[in-house]
Amino acid sequence: MRTLAKYIFFLVIVLGLFGCESIIDYDLPPSDPKLVLNCYFTNDSIWKVDIFKSKSIMESGDFEFVPGAQVEISNQNGTVYPLTYIGVGEYISLENAIPQIGANYTVKATRLNFEDITATAAMPSKVEIISIDTASVQNNGYPEQESKITFLDPANEKNYYSLKLNFDQVTVFQYDSLL
């Protein structure tokens, strides 16, 4: 009998936990939007910086682009590269300036009614790619490209890697499901 009572007590607790719902209304203090800077740079491309306006955690929708900012990149030698707004939140170097391996850079953005923002990063050395293997495979009857990249990770360095893929052609498969 005690065992049955334990099971009933456990069942009541479990059902009570799943049957409860709490809605918490929380009033966040208002905050002024801030500039958001995103810059991904490589030594084979000109400088490109994206500038957006921050949003509250309660806001939905896309980020708002910020035109009219003064954006510049400077290196450790004091050389300054001004960037030009080309639309859709993008600022680029019209001087065809590209990052140099081993150099440190600071990007600075200023705009009326916003606090200035800066970020600093270094252009790392290249990592040797040992091999790239590709294969065409079928996934649920659809062709896909599978790739394996092997590279030499320098020892005793804390590294982060990013892979950027460019496609010349994109094929979209559409099918009707029989529901």
N, C-alpha and C. Protein backbone atom coordinates (compact mmCIF):
# COMPACT_ATOMS: atom_id res chain seq x y z
N MET A 1 0.82 -1.19 0.00
CA MET A 1 0.00 0.00 0.00
C MET A 1 0.86 1.25 0.00
N ARG A 2 1.96 1.22 0.76
CA ARG A 2 2.85 2.37 0.79
C ARG A 2 3.43 2.66 -0.59
N THR A 3 3.76 1.63 -1.35
CA THR A 3 4.31 1.79 -2.68
C THR A 3 3.31 2.47 -3.59
N LEU A 4 2.04 2.08 -3.51
CA LEU A 4 0.99 2.69 -4.31
C LEU A 4 0.85 4.17 -3.95
N ALA A 5 0.92 4.49 -2.69
CA ALA A 5 0.81 5.89 -2.24
C ALA A 5 1.99 6.71 -2.77
N LYS A 6 3.16 6.13 -2.80
CA LYS A 6 4.33 6.83 -3.34
C LYS A 6 4.13 7.13 -4.82
N TYR A 7 3.62 6.15 -5.58
CA TYR A 7 3.39 6.35 -7.01
C TYR A 7 2.32 7.42 -7.26
N ILE A 8 1.27 7.40 -6.48
CA ILE A 8 0.21 8.40 -6.63
C ILE A 8 0.76 9.78 -6.29
N PHE A 9 1.53 9.89 -5.20
CA PHE A 9 2.12 11.17 -4.82
C PHE A 9 3.06 11.68 -5.93
N PHE A 10 3.89 10.80 -6.47
CA PHE A 10 4.80 11.16 -7.56
C PHE A 10 4.01 11.61 -8.78
N LEU A 11 2.94 10.91 -9.13
CA LEU A 11 2.11 11.26 -10.28
C LEU A 11 1.46 12.63 -10.08
N VAL A 12 0.97 12.92 -8.89
CA VAL A 12 0.36 14.23 -8.61
C VAL A 12 1.40 15.35 -8.76
N ILE A 13 2.61 15.13 -8.26
CA ILE A 13 3.68 16.14 -8.38
C ILE A 13 4.02 16.37 -9.84
N VAL A 14 4.22 15.30 -10.61
CA VAL A 14 4.58 15.42 -12.02
C VAL A 14 3.48 16.14 -12.79
N LEU A 15 2.23 15.75 -12.60
CA LEU A 15 1.12 16.41 -13.29
C LEU A 15 1.00 17.87 -12.87
N GLY A 16 1.26 18.17 -11.62
CA GLY A 16 1.21 19.55 -11.14
C GLY A 16 2.29 20.41 -11.78
N LEU A 17 3.47 19.85 -11.99
CA LEU A 17 4.54 20.61 -12.62
C LEU A 17 4.24 20.91 -14.08
N PHE A 18 3.67 19.95 -14.77
CA PHE A 18 3.37 20.14 -16.18
C PHE A 18 2.11 20.98 -16.39
N GLY A 19 1.27 21.08 -15.40
CA GLY A 19 0.03 21.82 -15.55
C GLY A 19 0.15 23.28 -15.14
N CYS A 20 1.31 23.70 -14.66
CA CYS A 20 1.47 25.08 -14.19
C CYS A 20 2.03 25.95 -15.31
N GLU A 21 1.58 27.17 -15.34
CA GLU A 21 2.12 28.13 -16.28
C GLU A 21 2.22 29.46 -15.57
N SER A 22 3.36 30.07 -15.69
CA SER A 22 3.56 31.39 -15.08
C SER A 22 3.92 32.38 -16.16
N ILE A 23 3.20 33.46 -16.21
CA ILE A 23 3.51 34.55 -17.13
C ILE A 23 4.07 35.68 -16.29
N ILE A 24 5.27 36.06 -16.63
CA ILE A 24 5.94 37.12 -15.88
C ILE A 24 6.03 38.35 -16.77
N ASP A 25 5.38 39.39 -16.35
CA ASP A 25 5.49 40.67 -17.06
C ASP A 25 6.66 41.42 -16.47
N TYR A 26 7.63 41.70 -17.31
CA TYR A 26 8.82 42.39 -16.84
C TYR A 26 8.98 43.65 -17.66
N ASP A 27 9.06 44.74 -17.00
CA ASP A 27 9.22 46.03 -17.67
C ASP A 27 10.71 46.38 -17.70
N LEU A 28 11.33 46.21 -18.88
CA LEU A 28 12.74 46.55 -19.01
C LEU A 28 12.90 48.06 -19.07
N PRO A 29 13.92 48.58 -18.44
CA PRO A 29 14.14 50.02 -18.53
C PRO A 29 14.50 50.39 -19.97
N PRO A 30 14.01 51.52 -20.44
CA PRO A 30 14.35 51.91 -21.82
C PRO A 30 15.85 52.20 -21.94
N SER A 31 16.36 51.90 -23.11
CA SER A 31 17.78 52.17 -23.36
C SER A 31 17.92 52.78 -24.74
N ASP A 32 18.89 53.65 -24.86
CA ASP A 32 19.15 54.27 -26.15
C ASP A 32 19.85 53.27 -27.05
N PRO A 33 19.50 53.25 -28.34
CA PRO A 33 20.20 52.35 -29.25
C PRO A 33 21.68 52.73 -29.36
N LYS A 34 22.50 51.74 -29.60
CA LYS A 34 23.94 51.95 -29.75
C LYS A 34 24.37 51.48 -31.13
N LEU A 35 25.54 51.94 -31.55
CA LEU A 35 26.10 51.46 -32.80
C LEU A 35 26.62 50.04 -32.61
N VAL A 36 26.43 49.21 -33.61
CA VAL A 36 26.95 47.85 -33.61
C VAL A 36 27.85 47.73 -34.83
N LEU A 37 29.08 47.30 -34.62
CA LEU A 37 30.08 47.22 -35.67
C LEU A 37 30.42 45.77 -35.93
N ASN A 38 30.44 45.38 -37.19
CA ASN A 38 30.83 44.02 -37.56
C ASN A 38 31.83 44.13 -38.70
N CYS A 39 33.04 43.58 -38.48
CA CYS A 39 34.09 43.66 -39.51
C CYS A 39 34.78 42.31 -39.58
N TYR A 40 34.68 41.69 -40.74
CA TYR A 40 35.37 40.43 -41.01
C TYR A 40 36.36 40.72 -42.11
N PHE A 41 37.66 40.60 -41.82
CA PHE A 41 38.64 40.98 -42.83
C PHE A 41 39.63 39.86 -43.13
N THR A 42 40.08 39.85 -44.40
CA THR A 42 41.07 38.89 -44.85
C THR A 42 42.12 39.64 -45.66
N ASN A 43 43.26 39.01 -45.88
CA ASN A 43 44.34 39.71 -46.58
C ASN A 43 44.19 39.65 -48.11
N ASP A 44 43.06 39.17 -48.59
CA ASP A 44 42.84 39.16 -50.04
C ASP A 44 41.59 39.95 -50.45
N SER A 45 41.09 40.78 -49.55
CA SER A 45 39.91 41.59 -49.84
C SER A 45 40.08 42.98 -49.26
N ILE A 46 39.37 43.94 -49.84
CA ILE A 46 39.40 45.30 -49.29
C ILE A 46 38.63 45.31 -47.97
N TRP A 47 38.81 46.39 -47.22
CA TRP A 47 38.13 46.53 -45.94
C TRP A 47 36.63 46.65 -46.17
N LYS A 48 35.86 45.96 -45.34
CA LYS A 48 34.40 46.05 -45.35
C LYS A 48 33.92 46.00 -43.92
N VAL A 49 33.11 47.00 -43.53
CA VAL A 49 32.58 47.10 -42.17
C VAL A 49 31.07 47.28 -42.28
N ASP A 50 30.32 46.57 -41.46
CA ASP A 50 28.87 46.73 -41.39
C ASP A 50 28.53 47.47 -40.10
N ILE A 51 27.67 48.48 -40.20
CA ILE A 51 27.25 49.27 -39.03
C ILE A 51 25.73 49.18 -38.91
N PHE A 52 25.26 48.75 -37.75
CA PHE A 52 23.84 48.62 -37.47
C PHE A 52 23.50 49.35 -36.18
N LYS A 53 22.22 49.47 -35.92
CA LYS A 53 21.73 50.03 -34.66
C LYS A 53 21.30 48.87 -33.78
N SER A 54 21.67 48.92 -32.50
CA SER A 54 21.29 47.85 -31.57
C SER A 54 19.79 47.87 -31.33
N LYS A 55 19.28 46.74 -30.82
CA LYS A 55 17.86 46.62 -30.49
C LYS A 55 17.72 46.13 -29.06
N SER A 56 16.56 46.41 -28.49
CA SER A 56 16.22 45.87 -27.18
C SER A 56 15.98 44.38 -27.31
N ILE A 57 16.16 43.66 -26.25
CA ILE A 57 15.93 42.22 -26.27
C ILE A 57 14.47 41.90 -26.59
N MET A 58 13.57 42.84 -26.34
CA MET A 58 12.15 42.63 -26.59
C MET A 58 11.74 43.00 -28.02
N GLU A 59 12.64 43.61 -28.80
CA GLU A 59 12.32 43.99 -30.17
C GLU A 59 12.49 42.81 -31.12
N SER A 60 11.63 42.78 -32.12
CA SER A 60 11.78 41.76 -33.15
C SER A 60 12.09 42.45 -34.47
N GLY A 61 12.31 41.67 -35.49
CA GLY A 61 12.59 42.23 -36.80
C GLY A 61 14.08 42.36 -37.06
N ASP A 62 14.37 42.87 -38.25
CA ASP A 62 15.76 43.01 -38.68
C ASP A 62 16.45 44.19 -38.01
N PHE A 63 17.77 44.16 -38.03
CA PHE A 63 18.54 45.28 -37.53
C PHE A 63 18.46 46.43 -38.52
N GLU A 64 18.50 47.65 -38.01
CA GLU A 64 18.41 48.83 -38.85
C GLU A 64 19.81 49.29 -39.25
N PHE A 65 20.00 49.52 -40.55
CA PHE A 65 21.29 49.99 -41.06
C PHE A 65 21.53 51.42 -40.58
N VAL A 66 22.81 51.80 -40.47
CA VAL A 66 23.16 53.15 -40.04
C VAL A 66 24.01 53.82 -41.12
N PRO A 67 23.38 54.63 -41.96
CA PRO A 67 24.14 55.41 -42.94
C PRO A 67 24.69 56.66 -42.28
N GLY A 68 25.63 57.32 -42.93
CA GLY A 68 26.12 58.61 -42.46
C GLY A 68 27.13 58.56 -41.33
N ALA A 69 27.66 57.41 -41.02
CA ALA A 69 28.69 57.31 -39.97
C ALA A 69 30.06 57.63 -40.58
N GLN A 70 30.97 58.06 -39.73
CA GLN A 70 32.37 58.22 -40.12
C GLN A 70 33.07 56.95 -39.66
N VAL A 71 33.56 56.18 -40.62
CA VAL A 71 34.20 54.90 -40.30
C VAL A 71 35.61 54.91 -40.86
N GLU A 72 36.58 54.52 -40.02
CA GLU A 72 37.96 54.48 -40.49
C GLU A 72 38.70 53.32 -39.83
N ILE A 73 39.69 52.84 -40.56
CA ILE A 73 40.57 51.78 -40.08
C ILE A 73 41.96 52.39 -39.96
N SER A 74 42.65 52.10 -38.87
CA SER A 74 44.04 52.56 -38.74
C SER A 74 44.92 51.39 -38.33
N ASN A 75 46.18 51.44 -38.77
CA ASN A 75 47.11 50.38 -38.39
C ASN A 75 48.04 50.88 -37.28
N GLN A 76 48.94 50.01 -36.83
CA GLN A 76 49.83 50.36 -35.72
C GLN A 76 50.83 51.45 -36.09
N ASN A 77 51.00 51.72 -37.39
CA ASN A 77 51.91 52.78 -37.83
C ASN A 77 51.23 54.14 -37.93
N GLY A 78 49.91 54.17 -37.67
CA GLY A 78 49.19 55.42 -37.72
C GLY A 78 48.56 55.73 -39.07
N THR A 79 48.70 54.84 -40.04
CA THR A 79 48.06 55.04 -41.34
C THR A 79 46.56 54.86 -41.18
N VAL A 80 45.78 55.81 -41.70
CA VAL A 80 44.33 55.79 -41.56
C VAL A 80 43.70 55.56 -42.93
N TYR A 81 42.75 54.63 -42.98
CA TYR A 81 42.02 54.33 -44.19
C TYR A 81 40.55 54.69 -43.96
N PRO A 82 40.07 55.78 -44.57
CA PRO A 82 38.65 56.12 -44.41
C PRO A 82 37.79 55.16 -45.24
N LEU A 83 36.63 54.82 -44.71
CA LEU A 83 35.71 53.94 -45.42
C LEU A 83 34.50 54.74 -45.90
N THR A 84 33.89 54.30 -46.98
CA THR A 84 32.78 54.99 -47.62
C THR A 84 31.53 54.13 -47.56
N TYR A 85 30.39 54.75 -47.24
CA TYR A 85 29.12 54.04 -47.18
C TYR A 85 28.64 53.71 -48.59
N ILE A 86 28.32 52.43 -48.82
CA ILE A 86 27.84 52.02 -50.15
C ILE A 86 26.41 51.51 -50.09
N GLY A 87 25.78 51.53 -48.93
CA GLY A 87 24.40 51.08 -48.77
C GLY A 87 24.30 49.80 -47.98
N VAL A 88 23.10 49.50 -47.54
CA VAL A 88 22.77 48.29 -46.79
C VAL A 88 23.71 48.09 -45.60
N GLY A 89 24.05 49.18 -44.92
CA GLY A 89 24.88 49.11 -43.73
C GLY A 89 26.36 48.89 -43.98
N GLU A 90 26.79 48.83 -45.25
CA GLU A 90 28.18 48.50 -45.57
C GLU A 90 29.03 49.74 -45.85
N TYR A 91 30.21 49.72 -45.26
CA TYR A 91 31.23 50.74 -45.50
C TYR A 91 32.45 50.01 -46.04
N ILE A 92 33.04 50.51 -47.14
CA ILE A 92 34.21 49.85 -47.73
C ILE A 92 35.32 50.86 -47.98
N SER A 93 36.52 50.34 -48.20
CA SER A 93 37.67 51.16 -48.56
C SER A 93 37.68 51.35 -50.07
N LEU A 94 37.61 52.60 -50.52
CA LEU A 94 37.68 52.89 -51.95
C LEU A 94 39.13 53.01 -52.42
N GLU A 95 40.07 53.00 -51.49
CA GLU A 95 41.49 53.11 -51.83
C GLU A 95 42.09 51.75 -52.13
N ASN A 96 41.27 50.71 -52.17
CA ASN A 96 41.73 49.34 -52.38
C ASN A 96 42.76 48.90 -51.35
N ALA A 97 42.66 49.45 -50.15
CA ALA A 97 43.54 49.06 -49.06
C ALA A 97 43.09 47.70 -48.53
N ILE A 98 44.05 46.80 -48.34
CA ILE A 98 43.74 45.48 -47.80
C ILE A 98 44.59 45.24 -46.56
N PRO A 99 44.09 44.43 -45.64
CA PRO A 99 44.86 44.11 -44.42
C PRO A 99 46.15 43.36 -44.75
N GLN A 100 47.17 43.60 -43.96
CA GLN A 100 48.46 42.93 -44.11
C GLN A 100 48.65 41.92 -42.98
N ILE A 101 49.19 40.77 -43.32
CA ILE A 101 49.42 39.71 -42.34
C ILE A 101 50.37 40.22 -41.26
N GLY A 102 50.02 39.95 -40.01
CA GLY A 102 50.85 40.33 -38.87
C GLY A 102 50.59 41.72 -38.34
N ALA A 103 49.79 42.52 -39.02
CA ALA A 103 49.54 43.90 -38.59
C ALA A 103 48.34 43.95 -37.64
N ASN A 104 48.37 44.96 -36.75
CA ASN A 104 47.25 45.23 -35.85
C ASN A 104 46.44 46.39 -36.41
N TYR A 105 45.12 46.28 -36.30
CA TYR A 105 44.24 47.30 -36.85
C TYR A 105 43.19 47.71 -35.82
N THR A 106 42.79 48.98 -35.91
CA THR A 106 41.71 49.51 -35.09
C THR A 106 40.67 50.10 -36.02
N VAL A 107 39.43 49.72 -35.82
CA VAL A 107 38.33 50.30 -36.59
C VAL A 107 37.55 51.20 -35.63
N LYS A 108 37.19 52.39 -36.13
CA LYS A 108 36.48 53.37 -35.31
C LYS A 108 35.28 53.87 -36.11
N ALA A 109 34.13 53.95 -35.45
CA ALA A 109 32.91 54.47 -36.08
C ALA A 109 32.32 55.54 -35.18
N THR A 110 31.97 56.67 -35.79
CA THR A 110 31.31 57.76 -35.07
C THR A 110 30.10 58.20 -35.89
N ARG A 111 29.06 58.59 -35.17
CA ARG A 111 27.87 59.13 -35.82
C ARG A 111 27.13 59.99 -34.81
N LEU A 112 26.55 61.07 -35.31
CA LEU A 112 25.78 61.98 -34.48
C LEU A 112 24.71 61.21 -33.72
N ASN A 113 24.51 61.54 -32.47
CA ASN A 113 23.52 60.94 -31.56
C ASN A 113 23.87 59.53 -31.09
N PHE A 114 25.10 59.07 -31.34
CA PHE A 114 25.56 57.76 -30.86
C PHE A 114 26.92 57.92 -30.20
N GLU A 115 27.21 57.02 -29.25
CA GLU A 115 28.55 56.97 -28.68
C GLU A 115 29.51 56.38 -29.72
N ASP A 116 30.74 56.89 -29.74
CA ASP A 116 31.76 56.34 -30.64
C ASP A 116 32.06 54.90 -30.23
N ILE A 117 32.40 54.08 -31.23
CA ILE A 117 32.80 52.71 -30.92
C ILE A 117 34.10 52.39 -31.63
N THR A 118 34.90 51.54 -31.01
CA THR A 118 36.16 51.09 -31.60
C THR A 118 36.34 49.60 -31.33
N ALA A 119 37.10 48.97 -32.18
CA ALA A 119 37.47 47.57 -31.99
C ALA A 119 38.87 47.39 -32.55
N THR A 120 39.62 46.47 -31.97
CA THR A 120 40.99 46.22 -32.40
C THR A 120 41.16 44.73 -32.66
N ALA A 121 41.88 44.42 -33.74
CA ALA A 121 42.15 43.02 -34.09
C ALA A 121 43.46 42.95 -34.86
N ALA A 122 44.04 41.78 -34.90
CA ALA A 122 45.28 41.54 -35.64
C ALA A 122 44.99 40.62 -36.81
N MET A 123 45.72 40.83 -37.89
CA MET A 123 45.61 39.95 -39.05
C MET A 123 46.56 38.78 -38.83
N PRO A 124 46.01 37.58 -38.59
CA PRO A 124 46.88 36.43 -38.29
C PRO A 124 47.62 35.95 -39.54
N SER A 125 48.62 35.13 -39.30
CA SER A 125 49.35 34.55 -40.43
C SER A 125 48.49 33.46 -41.06
N LYS A 126 48.83 33.15 -42.32
CA LYS A 126 48.06 32.13 -43.03
C LYS A 126 48.34 30.75 -42.43
N VAL A 127 47.33 29.91 -42.51
CA VAL A 127 47.47 28.53 -42.06
C VAL A 127 47.57 27.65 -43.31
N GLU A 128 48.55 26.75 -43.30
CA GLU A 128 48.78 25.90 -44.47
C GLU A 128 47.67 24.87 -44.62
N ILE A 129 47.06 24.84 -45.80
CA ILE A 129 46.06 23.82 -46.12
C ILE A 129 46.80 22.62 -46.68
N ILE A 130 46.63 21.48 -46.05
CA ILE A 130 47.34 20.27 -46.45
C ILE A 130 46.60 19.57 -47.59
N SER A 131 45.27 19.48 -47.47
CA SER A 131 44.51 18.83 -48.53
C SER A 131 43.05 19.28 -48.50
N ILE A 132 42.42 19.16 -49.67
CA ILE A 132 40.98 19.39 -49.81
C ILE A 132 40.44 18.23 -50.62
N ASP A 133 39.55 17.47 -50.02
CA ASP A 133 38.91 16.33 -50.68
C ASP A 133 37.43 16.64 -50.86
N THR A 134 36.91 16.42 -52.06
CA THR A 134 35.49 16.64 -52.31
C THR A 134 34.89 15.39 -52.89
N ALA A 135 33.59 15.25 -52.68
CA ALA A 135 32.86 14.11 -53.22
C ALA A 135 31.42 14.52 -53.46
N SER A 136 30.84 13.97 -54.50
CA SER A 136 29.41 14.16 -54.76
C SER A 136 28.68 13.01 -54.09
N VAL A 137 27.71 13.34 -53.28
CA VAL A 137 26.95 12.31 -52.55
C VAL A 137 25.47 12.55 -52.75
N GLN A 138 24.68 11.55 -52.43
CA GLN A 138 23.23 11.64 -52.49
C GLN A 138 22.69 11.69 -51.07
N ASN A 139 21.79 12.64 -50.81
CA ASN A 139 21.16 12.76 -49.51
C ASN A 139 19.65 12.77 -49.74
N ASN A 140 18.99 11.69 -49.37
CA ASN A 140 17.54 11.54 -49.62
C ASN A 140 17.21 11.72 -51.09
N GLY A 141 18.08 11.23 -51.95
CA GLY A 141 17.84 11.30 -53.38
C GLY A 141 18.27 12.60 -54.04
N TYR A 142 18.83 13.53 -53.28
CA TYR A 142 19.26 14.82 -53.83
C TYR A 142 20.78 14.91 -53.82
N PRO A 143 21.36 15.43 -54.89
CA PRO A 143 22.83 15.52 -54.94
C PRO A 143 23.34 16.62 -54.02
N GLU A 144 24.42 16.31 -53.34
CA GLU A 144 25.09 17.29 -52.47
C GLU A 144 26.59 17.17 -52.67
N GLN A 145 27.29 18.22 -52.31
CA GLN A 145 28.75 18.23 -52.38
C GLN A 145 29.28 18.10 -50.96
N GLU A 146 30.16 17.17 -50.74
CA GLU A 146 30.77 16.96 -49.43
C GLU A 146 32.25 17.31 -49.53
N SER A 147 32.74 18.07 -48.58
CA SER A 147 34.14 18.49 -48.62
C SER A 147 34.82 18.20 -47.29
N LYS A 148 36.10 17.86 -47.37
CA LYS A 148 36.93 17.65 -46.18
C LYS A 148 38.19 18.47 -46.38
N ILE A 149 38.46 19.38 -45.45
CA ILE A 149 39.63 20.24 -45.52
C ILE A 149 40.55 19.90 -44.35
N THR A 150 41.80 19.63 -44.67
CA THR A 150 42.80 19.33 -43.64
C THR A 150 43.84 20.45 -43.66
N PHE A 151 44.11 21.03 -42.50
CA PHE A 151 45.08 22.12 -42.43
C PHE A 151 45.99 21.93 -41.23
N LEU A 152 47.12 22.62 -41.26
CA LEU A 152 48.12 22.53 -40.21
C LEU A 152 47.87 23.63 -39.18
N ASP A 153 47.40 23.25 -38.01
CA ASP A 153 47.11 24.21 -36.94
C ASP A 153 48.39 24.49 -36.17
N PRO A 154 48.85 25.76 -36.14
CA PRO A 154 50.08 26.08 -35.41
C PRO A 154 49.97 25.71 -33.93
N ALA A 155 51.01 25.06 -33.43
CA ALA A 155 51.03 24.64 -32.02
C ALA A 155 51.22 25.85 -31.12
N ASN A 156 50.76 25.73 -29.89
CA ASN A 156 50.94 26.74 -28.84
C ASN A 156 50.31 28.09 -29.19
N GLU A 157 49.30 28.11 -30.05
CA GLU A 157 48.56 29.33 -30.36
C GLU A 157 47.08 29.04 -30.16
N LYS A 158 46.38 30.03 -29.63
CA LYS A 158 44.93 29.92 -29.50
C LYS A 158 44.34 30.47 -30.79
N ASN A 159 43.77 29.59 -31.61
CA ASN A 159 43.27 29.99 -32.93
C ASN A 159 41.78 29.72 -33.05
N TYR A 160 41.15 30.53 -33.90
CA TYR A 160 39.75 30.37 -34.26
C TYR A 160 39.70 30.36 -35.79
N TYR A 161 38.85 29.52 -36.32
CA TYR A 161 38.79 29.40 -37.78
C TYR A 161 37.39 29.68 -38.28
N SER A 162 37.35 30.24 -39.47
CA SER A 162 36.10 30.53 -40.14
C SER A 162 36.25 30.09 -41.58
N LEU A 163 35.21 29.54 -42.13
CA LEU A 163 35.24 29.07 -43.50
C LEU A 163 34.22 29.87 -44.30
N LYS A 164 34.67 30.49 -45.37
CA LYS A 164 33.78 31.26 -46.23
C LYS A 164 33.69 30.56 -47.57
N LEU A 165 32.47 30.23 -47.98
CA LEU A 165 32.25 29.53 -49.23
C LEU A 165 31.56 30.45 -50.23
N ASN A 166 32.05 30.46 -51.45
CA ASN A 166 31.42 31.21 -52.53
C ASN A 166 30.90 30.21 -53.55
N PHE A 167 29.66 30.39 -53.94
CA PHE A 167 29.04 29.50 -54.91
C PHE A 167 28.81 30.24 -56.22
N ASP A 168 29.15 29.61 -57.31
CA ASP A 168 28.89 30.18 -58.63
C ASP A 168 27.46 29.92 -59.06
N GLN A 169 26.89 28.83 -58.60
CA GLN A 169 25.54 28.46 -58.99
C GLN A 169 24.83 27.83 -57.81
N VAL A 170 23.59 28.21 -57.61
CA VAL A 170 22.78 27.63 -56.55
C VAL A 170 21.57 26.97 -57.20
N THR A 171 21.34 25.73 -56.88
CA THR A 171 20.20 25.01 -57.40
C THR A 171 19.22 24.79 -56.25
N VAL A 172 17.99 25.18 -56.48
CA VAL A 172 16.96 25.01 -55.46
C VAL A 172 16.05 23.87 -55.88
N PHE A 173 15.92 22.91 -55.01
CA PHE A 173 15.02 21.78 -55.28
C PHE A 173 13.69 22.04 -54.61
N GLN A 174 12.64 21.84 -55.34
CA GLN A 174 11.30 22.01 -54.78
C GLN A 174 10.54 20.73 -55.05
N TYR A 175 9.85 20.24 -54.05
CA TYR A 175 9.07 19.03 -54.25
C TYR A 175 7.75 19.19 -53.51
N ASP A 176 6.77 18.45 -53.95
CA ASP A 176 5.46 18.45 -53.32
C ASP A 176 5.39 17.23 -52.42
N SER A 177 4.97 17.46 -51.19
CA SER A 177 4.81 16.33 -50.29
C SER A 177 3.37 15.83 -50.41
N LEU A 178 3.21 14.56 -50.25
CA LEU A 178 1.89 13.95 -50.31
C LEU A 178 1.38 13.79 -48.89
N LEU A 179 0.63 14.76 -48.44
CA LEU A 179 0.09 14.70 -47.07
C LEU A 179 -1.31 14.16 -47.07
